[in-house]
Protein backbone atom coordinates (compact mmCIF):
# COMPACT_ATOMS: atom_id res chain seq x y z
CA MET A 1 -183.25 157.67 20.68
CA SER A 2 -181.58 158.07 17.29
CA ALA A 3 -177.97 157.00 16.71
CA ALA A 4 -177.03 160.62 15.99
CA ALA A 5 -178.00 161.53 19.55
CA LYS A 6 -176.99 158.28 21.25
CA TYR A 7 -173.56 157.83 19.65
CA ASP A 8 -172.87 161.43 18.55
CA ILE A 9 -172.32 160.57 14.89
CA LEU A 10 -171.54 162.70 11.83
CA THR A 11 -173.94 162.32 8.94
CA VAL A 12 -172.61 165.01 6.59
CA VAL A 13 -169.18 163.59 5.69
CA ASP A 14 -168.95 161.19 2.75
CA VAL A 15 -166.16 158.62 2.61
CA PRO A 16 -164.79 158.32 -0.95
CA GLU A 17 -165.32 154.87 -2.46
CA HIS A 18 -161.63 154.10 -2.95
CA TYR A 19 -161.16 153.98 0.84
CA ARG A 20 -163.44 150.96 0.95
CA GLY A 21 -161.05 148.98 -1.26
CA ARG A 22 -158.02 150.21 0.67
CA TRP A 23 -159.51 149.17 4.00
CA GLN A 24 -160.51 145.79 2.55
CA LYS A 25 -156.83 144.99 1.95
CA THR A 26 -155.93 146.24 5.44
CA LEU A 27 -158.63 144.04 6.98
CA GLY A 28 -157.35 141.01 5.04
CA ILE A 29 -153.93 141.47 6.64
CA LEU A 30 -155.55 141.94 10.07
CA ALA A 31 -157.63 138.75 9.75
CA SER A 32 -154.56 136.79 8.70
CA LEU A 33 -152.44 138.08 11.60
CA LEU A 34 -155.10 137.39 14.23
CA LYS A 35 -156.20 134.10 12.58
CA VAL A 36 -159.91 134.96 12.60
CA LYS A 37 -162.72 134.38 10.08
CA ALA A 38 -163.89 138.01 9.78
CA ALA A 39 -162.36 141.48 10.09
CA LEU A 40 -164.73 144.43 9.62
CA VAL A 41 -164.95 148.21 9.55
CA MET A 42 -168.48 149.13 10.61
CA ARG A 43 -170.12 152.52 10.07
CA VAL A 44 -173.08 153.65 12.13
CA HIS A 45 -176.01 155.52 10.58
CA ALA A 46 -179.16 157.04 12.05
CA HIS A 47 -181.05 153.75 12.48
CA GLU A 48 -178.68 150.97 11.43
CA ILE A 49 -175.07 149.91 11.36
CA GLU A 50 -173.37 149.02 8.06
CA VAL A 51 -170.57 146.66 7.09
CA PHE A 52 -168.56 149.42 5.40
CA ALA A 53 -165.53 147.25 4.57
CA ARG A 54 -164.63 143.58 5.08
CA ASP A 55 -161.78 141.21 4.44
CA ASP A 56 -162.33 138.94 1.45
CA GLY A 57 -161.56 135.67 3.23
CA GLU A 58 -163.71 132.62 2.48
CA GLY A 59 -164.91 132.27 6.07
CA ASN A 60 -166.28 135.81 6.32
CA VAL A 61 -170.07 135.50 6.53
CA TYR A 62 -170.71 139.26 6.38
CA GLU A 63 -171.47 141.02 3.10
CA GLU A 64 -170.14 144.46 2.22
CA ARG A 65 -172.85 147.14 2.67
CA GLU A 66 -174.89 144.69 4.75
CA GLN A 67 -176.92 146.53 7.38
CA ALA A 68 -178.33 145.54 10.74
CA PRO A 69 -180.81 147.49 12.87
CA LEU A 70 -179.54 149.27 15.95
CA ASP A 71 -180.67 148.48 19.50
CA SER A 72 -180.58 144.75 18.74
CA GLY A 73 -177.78 143.82 21.17
CA LEU A 74 -174.84 143.80 18.72
CA TYR A 75 -171.29 143.74 20.03
CA CYS A 76 -170.48 146.98 18.16
CA GLU A 77 -173.26 148.90 19.93
CA THR A 78 -171.53 148.42 23.26
CA VAL A 79 -168.17 149.49 21.79
CA MET A 80 -169.69 152.71 20.44
CA SER A 81 -171.72 153.58 23.51
CA GLU A 82 -168.85 152.97 25.95
CA ARG A 83 -166.12 154.29 23.58
CA ALA A 84 -163.92 151.43 24.72
CA GLU A 85 -162.53 148.07 23.68
CA LEU A 86 -164.84 145.07 23.92
CA MET A 87 -163.47 141.53 24.07
CA VAL A 88 -165.75 138.50 24.15
CA PRO A 89 -163.66 135.29 23.98
CA ASN A 90 -166.72 132.98 23.91
CA ALA A 91 -170.25 134.36 23.73
CA LEU A 92 -171.76 130.90 24.25
CA ALA A 93 -170.21 130.75 27.71
CA ASP A 94 -171.09 134.35 28.60
CA HIS A 95 -174.64 134.99 29.90
CA GLU A 96 -174.36 138.66 28.84
CA TRP A 97 -173.70 137.70 25.21
CA ASP A 98 -175.19 134.27 24.68
CA HIS A 99 -178.20 135.79 22.89
CA ASN A 100 -176.14 138.08 20.63
CA PRO A 101 -177.45 138.22 17.02
CA ASP A 102 -173.97 137.30 15.66
CA ILE A 103 -174.30 133.86 17.26
CA LYS A 104 -176.98 133.06 14.67
CA VAL A 105 -174.35 133.35 11.90
CA GLY A 106 -171.84 131.33 13.92
CA MET A 107 -169.64 134.12 15.24
CA VAL A 108 -169.01 133.38 18.93
CA SER A 109 -165.90 135.46 19.69
CA TYR A 110 -165.38 139.20 19.22
CA LEU A 111 -162.73 141.90 19.67
CA GLY A 112 -163.56 145.49 18.72
CA LEU A 113 -162.50 149.11 19.13
CA PRO A 114 -164.36 152.37 18.43
CA LEU A 115 -163.52 154.44 15.35
CA GLU A 116 -163.80 158.21 15.75
CA TRP A 117 -163.62 161.24 13.51
CA PRO A 118 -160.98 163.83 14.51
CA THR A 119 -163.87 165.84 16.00
CA GLY A 120 -164.56 163.05 18.49
CA ASN A 121 -167.77 161.95 16.77
CA ILE A 122 -168.29 158.22 16.34
CA PHE A 123 -167.70 156.73 12.89
CA GLY A 124 -168.28 153.11 13.92
CA THR A 125 -165.98 150.27 14.90
CA ILE A 126 -163.11 148.11 13.69
CA CYS A 127 -163.55 144.54 14.86
CA VAL A 128 -162.65 140.90 14.33
CA LEU A 129 -164.94 137.91 14.83
CA ASP A 130 -164.42 134.13 14.78
CA ASN A 131 -166.62 131.03 14.67
CA ARG A 132 -164.72 129.44 17.53
CA PRO A 133 -163.76 130.60 21.01
CA HIS A 134 -160.73 132.83 20.81
CA GLU A 135 -158.50 134.05 23.59
CA TYR A 136 -157.17 137.36 22.26
CA THR A 137 -153.66 138.00 23.51
CA ARG A 138 -152.06 141.33 24.36
CA LEU A 139 -150.31 141.18 20.99
CA ASN A 140 -153.67 140.60 19.25
CA ARG A 141 -155.17 143.60 21.02
CA ALA A 142 -152.13 145.81 20.29
CA THR A 143 -152.30 144.77 16.61
CA LEU A 144 -155.97 145.76 16.40
CA GLN A 145 -155.14 149.10 18.02
CA GLN A 146 -152.45 149.75 15.41
CA PHE A 147 -154.86 149.01 12.59
CA ARG A 148 -157.50 151.19 14.32
CA ASP A 149 -155.01 154.08 14.38
CA LEU A 150 -154.30 153.64 10.65
CA VAL A 151 -158.00 153.87 9.82
CA GLN A 152 -158.50 156.87 12.11
CA ASP A 153 -155.58 158.68 10.45
CA GLU A 154 -157.35 158.24 7.13
CA LEU A 155 -160.63 159.40 8.67
CA ALA A 156 -158.78 162.57 9.75
CA LEU A 157 -157.58 163.06 6.16
CA ILE A 158 -161.10 162.49 4.83
CA PHE A 159 -162.45 165.04 7.28
CA GLU A 160 -159.81 167.64 6.32
CA ASN A 161 -160.65 167.14 2.65
CA HIS A 162 -164.33 167.56 3.51
CA LEU A 163 -163.59 170.86 5.24
CA LEU A 164 -161.51 172.01 2.26
CA ARG A 165 -164.30 171.13 -0.19
CA GLN A 166 -166.77 172.92 2.05
CA GLU A 167 -164.51 175.99 2.23
CA VAL A 168 -164.06 175.99 -1.55
CA ALA A 169 -167.81 175.67 -2.06
CA GLU A 170 -168.48 178.53 0.36
CA ARG A 171 -165.81 180.66 -1.32
CA GLU A 172 -167.28 179.94 -4.76
CA GLU A 173 -170.73 180.86 -3.46
CA THR A 174 -169.35 184.08 -1.96
CA GLU A 175 -167.57 184.92 -5.21
CA ARG A 176 -170.77 184.21 -7.15
CA GLU A 177 -172.72 186.52 -4.86
CA LEU A 178 -170.02 189.19 -5.21
CA ARG A 179 -170.13 188.88 -9.00
CA GLU A 180 -173.91 189.22 -8.94
CA THR A 181 -173.68 192.24 -6.64
CA GLN A 182 -170.97 193.82 -8.80
CA SER A 183 -173.04 193.18 -11.94
CA HIS A 184 -176.08 194.73 -10.25
CA LEU A 185 -174.10 197.78 -9.14
CA GLN A 186 -172.60 198.17 -12.60
CA SER A 187 -176.06 197.99 -14.11
CA LEU A 188 -177.29 200.65 -11.69
CA ALA A 189 -174.28 202.85 -12.43
CA ARG A 190 -174.84 202.44 -16.16
CA ARG A 191 -178.51 203.38 -15.86
CA LEU A 192 -177.56 206.36 -13.71
CA GLN A 193 -175.01 207.48 -16.29
CA VAL A 194 -177.51 207.01 -19.12
CA GLY A 195 -180.05 209.02 -17.15
CA ARG A 196 -177.55 211.83 -16.61
CA GLU A 197 -176.62 211.94 -20.29
CA GLN A 198 -180.26 211.93 -21.31
CA GLU A 199 -180.94 214.79 -18.90
CA ARG A 200 -178.02 216.69 -20.41
CA ALA A 201 -179.41 216.10 -23.88
CA LEU A 202 -182.88 217.26 -22.84
CA LEU A 203 -181.45 220.35 -21.16
CA ALA A 204 -179.30 221.16 -24.19
CA ARG A 205 -182.25 220.82 -26.53
CA GLY A 206 -184.39 222.92 -24.20
CA LEU A 207 -181.77 225.69 -24.09
CA HIS A 208 -181.42 225.63 -27.84
CA ASP A 209 -185.06 225.29 -28.80
CA GLU A 210 -186.54 227.71 -26.28
CA ILE A 211 -183.97 230.21 -24.98
CA ILE A 212 -181.92 230.70 -28.14
CA GLN A 213 -185.02 230.88 -30.33
CA ASN A 214 -186.69 233.33 -27.95
CA LEU A 215 -183.54 235.48 -27.77
CA THR A 216 -183.31 235.44 -31.56
CA ALA A 217 -186.93 236.54 -31.72
CA VAL A 218 -186.12 239.37 -29.28
CA MET A 219 -183.31 240.55 -31.58
CA MET A 220 -185.65 240.47 -34.57
CA ASP A 221 -188.29 242.42 -32.68
CA LEU A 222 -185.71 245.01 -31.61
CA ASP A 223 -184.57 245.42 -35.19
CA SER A 224 -188.17 245.73 -36.35
CA CYS A 225 -188.93 248.33 -33.68
CA SER A 226 -185.77 250.26 -34.50
CA ARG A 227 -186.72 250.49 -38.19
CA ARG A 228 -190.18 251.83 -37.32
CA LEU A 229 -188.92 254.66 -35.15
CA PRO A 230 -189.32 258.22 -36.47
CA GLU A 231 -186.22 259.65 -38.09
CA GLU A 232 -185.80 262.33 -35.45
CA VAL A 233 -185.80 259.71 -32.64
CA ARG A 234 -183.46 257.14 -34.18
CA PRO A 235 -180.15 258.89 -33.37
CA VAL A 236 -181.12 258.90 -29.70
CA VAL A 237 -182.49 255.35 -29.46
CA GLU A 238 -180.27 253.38 -31.84
CA PRO A 239 -177.18 253.29 -29.52
CA SER A 240 -179.32 251.74 -26.74
CA VAL A 241 -180.87 249.29 -29.20
CA ALA A 242 -177.43 248.34 -30.47
CA ALA A 243 -176.21 247.78 -26.92
CA VAL A 244 -179.21 245.57 -26.11
CA ASP A 245 -178.72 243.75 -29.39
CA ALA A 246 -175.07 243.08 -28.56
CA ARG A 247 -175.96 241.89 -25.09
CA VAL A 248 -178.59 239.51 -26.48
CA MET A 249 -176.11 238.19 -29.05
CA ALA A 250 -173.53 237.61 -26.32
CA THR A 251 -176.18 235.75 -24.32
CA ILE A 252 -177.01 233.60 -27.34
CA GLU A 253 -173.34 232.72 -27.78
CA ARG A 254 -173.04 231.87 -24.10
CA VAL A 255 -176.12 229.65 -24.24
CA ARG A 256 -174.73 227.92 -27.34
CA GLU A 257 -171.50 227.33 -25.44
CA MET A 258 -173.49 225.84 -22.56
CA CYS A 259 -175.33 223.58 -25.01
CA ASP A 260 -172.03 222.38 -26.45
CA ASN A 261 -170.73 221.70 -22.95
CA LEU A 262 -173.82 219.65 -22.21
CA ILE A 263 -174.20 217.76 -25.50
CA PRO A 264 -172.52 219.17 -28.62
CA ALA A 265 -174.80 219.23 -31.60
CA VAL A 266 -172.04 217.69 -33.68
CA LEU A 267 -172.02 214.65 -31.39
CA GLU A 268 -175.77 214.19 -31.72
CA ASP A 269 -175.80 214.80 -35.47
CA LEU A 270 -172.49 213.38 -36.74
CA GLY A 271 -171.22 211.01 -34.05
CA LEU A 272 -168.22 210.62 -31.76
CA ALA A 273 -165.42 210.95 -34.34
CA ALA A 274 -166.73 214.29 -35.62
CA ALA A 275 -167.31 215.53 -32.06
CA ILE A 276 -163.71 214.69 -31.12
CA ASP A 277 -162.43 216.55 -34.21
CA TRP A 278 -164.54 219.55 -33.20
CA ALA A 279 -163.38 219.47 -29.57
CA VAL A 280 -159.71 219.16 -30.53
CA ALA A 281 -160.01 222.07 -32.97
CA ASP A 282 -161.53 224.18 -30.20
CA PHE A 283 -158.78 223.08 -27.78
CA LYS A 284 -156.11 223.97 -30.34
CA ARG A 285 -157.69 227.40 -30.90
CA ARG A 286 -157.80 228.13 -27.16
CA THR A 287 -154.37 226.81 -26.14
CA GLY A 288 -152.24 226.98 -29.26
CA ALA A 289 -151.06 223.43 -28.58
CA SER A 290 -150.05 221.15 -31.44
CA CYS A 291 -152.69 218.47 -31.96
CA ASP A 292 -152.63 215.22 -33.92
CA VAL A 293 -156.06 213.58 -34.34
CA ARG A 294 -156.45 210.11 -35.77
CA THR A 295 -160.08 209.13 -36.21
CA ARG A 296 -161.96 207.10 -38.81
CA ASP A 297 -165.39 207.58 -40.27
CA ASP A 298 -166.47 203.98 -39.57
CA THR A 299 -169.86 203.61 -37.94
CA LEU A 300 -169.11 202.79 -34.30
CA ARG A 301 -170.76 199.68 -32.93
CA ILE A 302 -171.45 201.15 -29.51
CA SER A 303 -174.63 202.81 -28.35
CA PRO A 304 -175.20 206.58 -28.44
CA ASP A 305 -175.14 206.58 -24.63
CA ALA A 306 -171.72 204.92 -24.63
CA GLN A 307 -170.49 207.49 -27.17
CA ARG A 308 -171.74 210.31 -24.94
CA LEU A 309 -169.83 208.80 -22.02
CA LEU A 310 -166.62 208.56 -24.06
CA PHE A 311 -166.98 212.15 -25.19
CA ARG A 312 -167.69 213.35 -21.64
CA ILE A 313 -164.49 211.66 -20.41
CA PHE A 314 -162.59 213.13 -23.37
CA GLN A 315 -163.85 216.64 -22.47
CA GLN A 316 -162.87 216.14 -18.84
CA ALA A 317 -159.39 214.94 -19.81
CA LEU A 318 -158.90 217.95 -22.13
CA SER A 319 -159.92 220.33 -19.36
CA HIS A 320 -157.03 219.03 -17.23
CA VAL A 321 -154.34 219.32 -19.89
CA THR A 322 -152.16 222.24 -18.79
CA PRO A 323 -152.46 224.98 -21.43
CA GLY A 324 -149.37 226.68 -22.78
CA TYR A 325 -146.81 224.18 -21.54
CA PRO A 326 -143.60 224.26 -23.64
CA LYS A 327 -143.09 221.86 -26.54
CA SER A 328 -146.59 220.59 -26.03
CA LYS A 329 -148.41 218.16 -28.26
CA LEU A 330 -151.76 216.40 -27.95
CA ILE A 331 -152.29 213.06 -29.73
CA VAL A 332 -155.81 211.65 -29.94
CA ALA A 333 -156.72 208.34 -31.59
CA LEU A 334 -160.17 206.73 -31.95
CA ALA A 335 -160.24 203.22 -33.42
CA GLN A 336 -162.74 200.40 -33.69
CA HIS A 337 -161.35 196.89 -33.29
CA LYS A 338 -163.08 193.53 -33.46
CA ARG A 339 -164.21 193.58 -29.84
CA ALA A 340 -163.88 197.15 -28.64
CA VAL A 341 -163.85 200.82 -29.49
CA VAL A 342 -160.65 202.37 -28.11
CA LEU A 343 -160.10 206.06 -27.39
CA ARG A 344 -156.50 206.95 -26.57
CA ILE A 345 -155.32 210.41 -25.46
CA ALA A 346 -151.60 211.16 -25.20
CA ALA A 347 -150.03 214.41 -23.95
CA GLU A 348 -146.42 214.76 -25.01
CA GLY A 349 -144.18 216.79 -22.71
CA HIS A 350 -146.97 217.36 -20.18
CA PRO A 351 -145.57 217.97 -16.67
CA GLU A 352 -146.29 215.31 -14.07
CA SER A 353 -148.98 216.33 -11.59
CA ASP A 354 -148.19 217.14 -7.98
CA PRO A 355 -148.43 213.89 -5.93
CA GLU A 356 -150.92 215.40 -3.48
CA THR A 357 -153.13 216.57 -6.31
CA VAL A 358 -152.94 213.14 -7.90
CA ALA A 359 -153.91 211.49 -4.65
CA GLN A 360 -156.83 213.83 -4.05
CA ASP A 361 -158.24 214.15 -7.55
CA ARG A 362 -156.31 212.44 -10.32
CA ILE A 363 -158.60 214.33 -12.74
CA GLY A 364 -161.49 212.25 -11.50
CA LEU A 365 -159.98 209.00 -12.75
CA LYS A 366 -161.71 206.86 -10.14
CA GLU A 367 -165.10 208.26 -11.10
CA MET A 368 -164.26 207.89 -14.80
CA GLU A 369 -163.14 204.30 -14.30
CA ALA A 370 -166.28 203.42 -12.33
CA GLU A 371 -168.45 204.73 -15.15
CA VAL A 372 -166.44 202.90 -17.81
CA VAL A 373 -166.46 199.63 -15.83
CA SER A 374 -170.23 199.89 -15.45
CA TRP A 375 -170.38 199.54 -19.23
CA GLY A 376 -168.01 196.56 -19.16
CA GLY A 377 -165.11 198.70 -20.38
CA LYS A 378 -161.59 199.40 -19.15
CA LEU A 379 -159.70 202.60 -18.34
CA ARG A 380 -155.95 202.76 -17.81
CA THR A 381 -153.23 205.39 -17.61
CA TRP A 382 -149.46 205.24 -17.92
CA ARG A 383 -146.42 207.38 -18.59
CA THR A 384 -143.53 206.38 -20.86
CA PRO A 385 -139.83 207.09 -20.15
CA ASP A 386 -139.86 209.76 -22.87
CA ASP A 387 -142.44 211.77 -20.87
CA LEU A 388 -145.55 210.81 -22.85
CA ALA A 389 -148.66 210.57 -20.64
CA PHE A 390 -151.45 208.24 -21.82
CA LEU A 391 -155.15 207.84 -21.00
CA GLU A 392 -156.89 204.95 -22.78
CA ILE A 393 -160.56 203.92 -22.63
CA SER A 394 -161.78 200.68 -24.17
CA MET A 395 -165.53 200.11 -24.59
CA PRO A 396 -166.76 196.64 -25.64
CA ILE A 397 -168.66 196.27 -28.88
CA ARG A 398 -172.09 194.78 -28.41
CA SER A 399 -173.59 192.78 -31.26
CA GLY A 400 -176.44 194.41 -33.08
CA ILE A 401 -175.63 197.93 -31.77
CA THR A 402 -174.62 200.74 -34.04
CA SER A 403 -174.38 204.45 -33.44
CA ALA A 404 -177.48 206.54 -33.87
């Protein structure tokens, strides 16, 4: 039977090295008080027992870290198995102990107590031995018990520190797994957003290249047919042709508007700054609001997909600015810094939203923020005391990336 099963030992807790030196000094005091040749702290392992700490007296025949096999009839084995004090005043005169292995090194008297972890598991023993018969008094035994309690208090501290280290390690592992999961989810969200923007771009190009071109061809065919009609028929047919022509033109304008809502051509051709200028001009035309746009023509060091995302959020924010509010002013700034491209939208004098509306929708801020975070960016909002509402998006610059 292994020691782990026989003595119920702990094998997973390490005792820091400095405790060995501390216990050595304690054992030196113990040996001096009890007037014995050796004072030891023994630690049991799976198949052997170790001299974990010893006093440094000249008569101590045991070496630190010295090991002896278990099941060899040692005094300490009985202490650990019975979880009780063992006192042998003279092994030479005791038939039960006169063949004890310690007699071979001259140690004929023994007094020992078990050492336990706070969990109740056996650590080993604390014991004293002498090379002459020794009648251990009540005071000797009480002294050993006091020293045993000191060592066990430190074992309790060691065990608590072990649990704390284990908890910290588990927490760090959990945090690492959470970071990996968050990174994976952000990557998935980014790919989903890129896929959506690419689908928008494909749809916009399809609407422009197929529907608008086909409708334009229809208008040309109608005009060609109208010019070929006989003179006597034209007065009757031309009003209907003109009506169809107007309807087709209105459809073309509507399709162009849909294309711009999906992916504005100016964004694809000229970049984010030009697209923002275009969108603000359209907003100003529709609402009559005063607008201040501060953009630069620098080539943005973020990907086209990231620019599409910024523009989509900008469009969504504009759509929630209340049109026609008094003394209104929209301030838009796009700047490229060393580490990020920052888009800031400020609405001056804009009324604060109804709390219930904010709680339910908040102009989709949670969805916006999730998309921005998936790119490693940040989104924040605030309102100043002078009633200026801000929305700011910061997208990190990635080395080697420039706008298309």
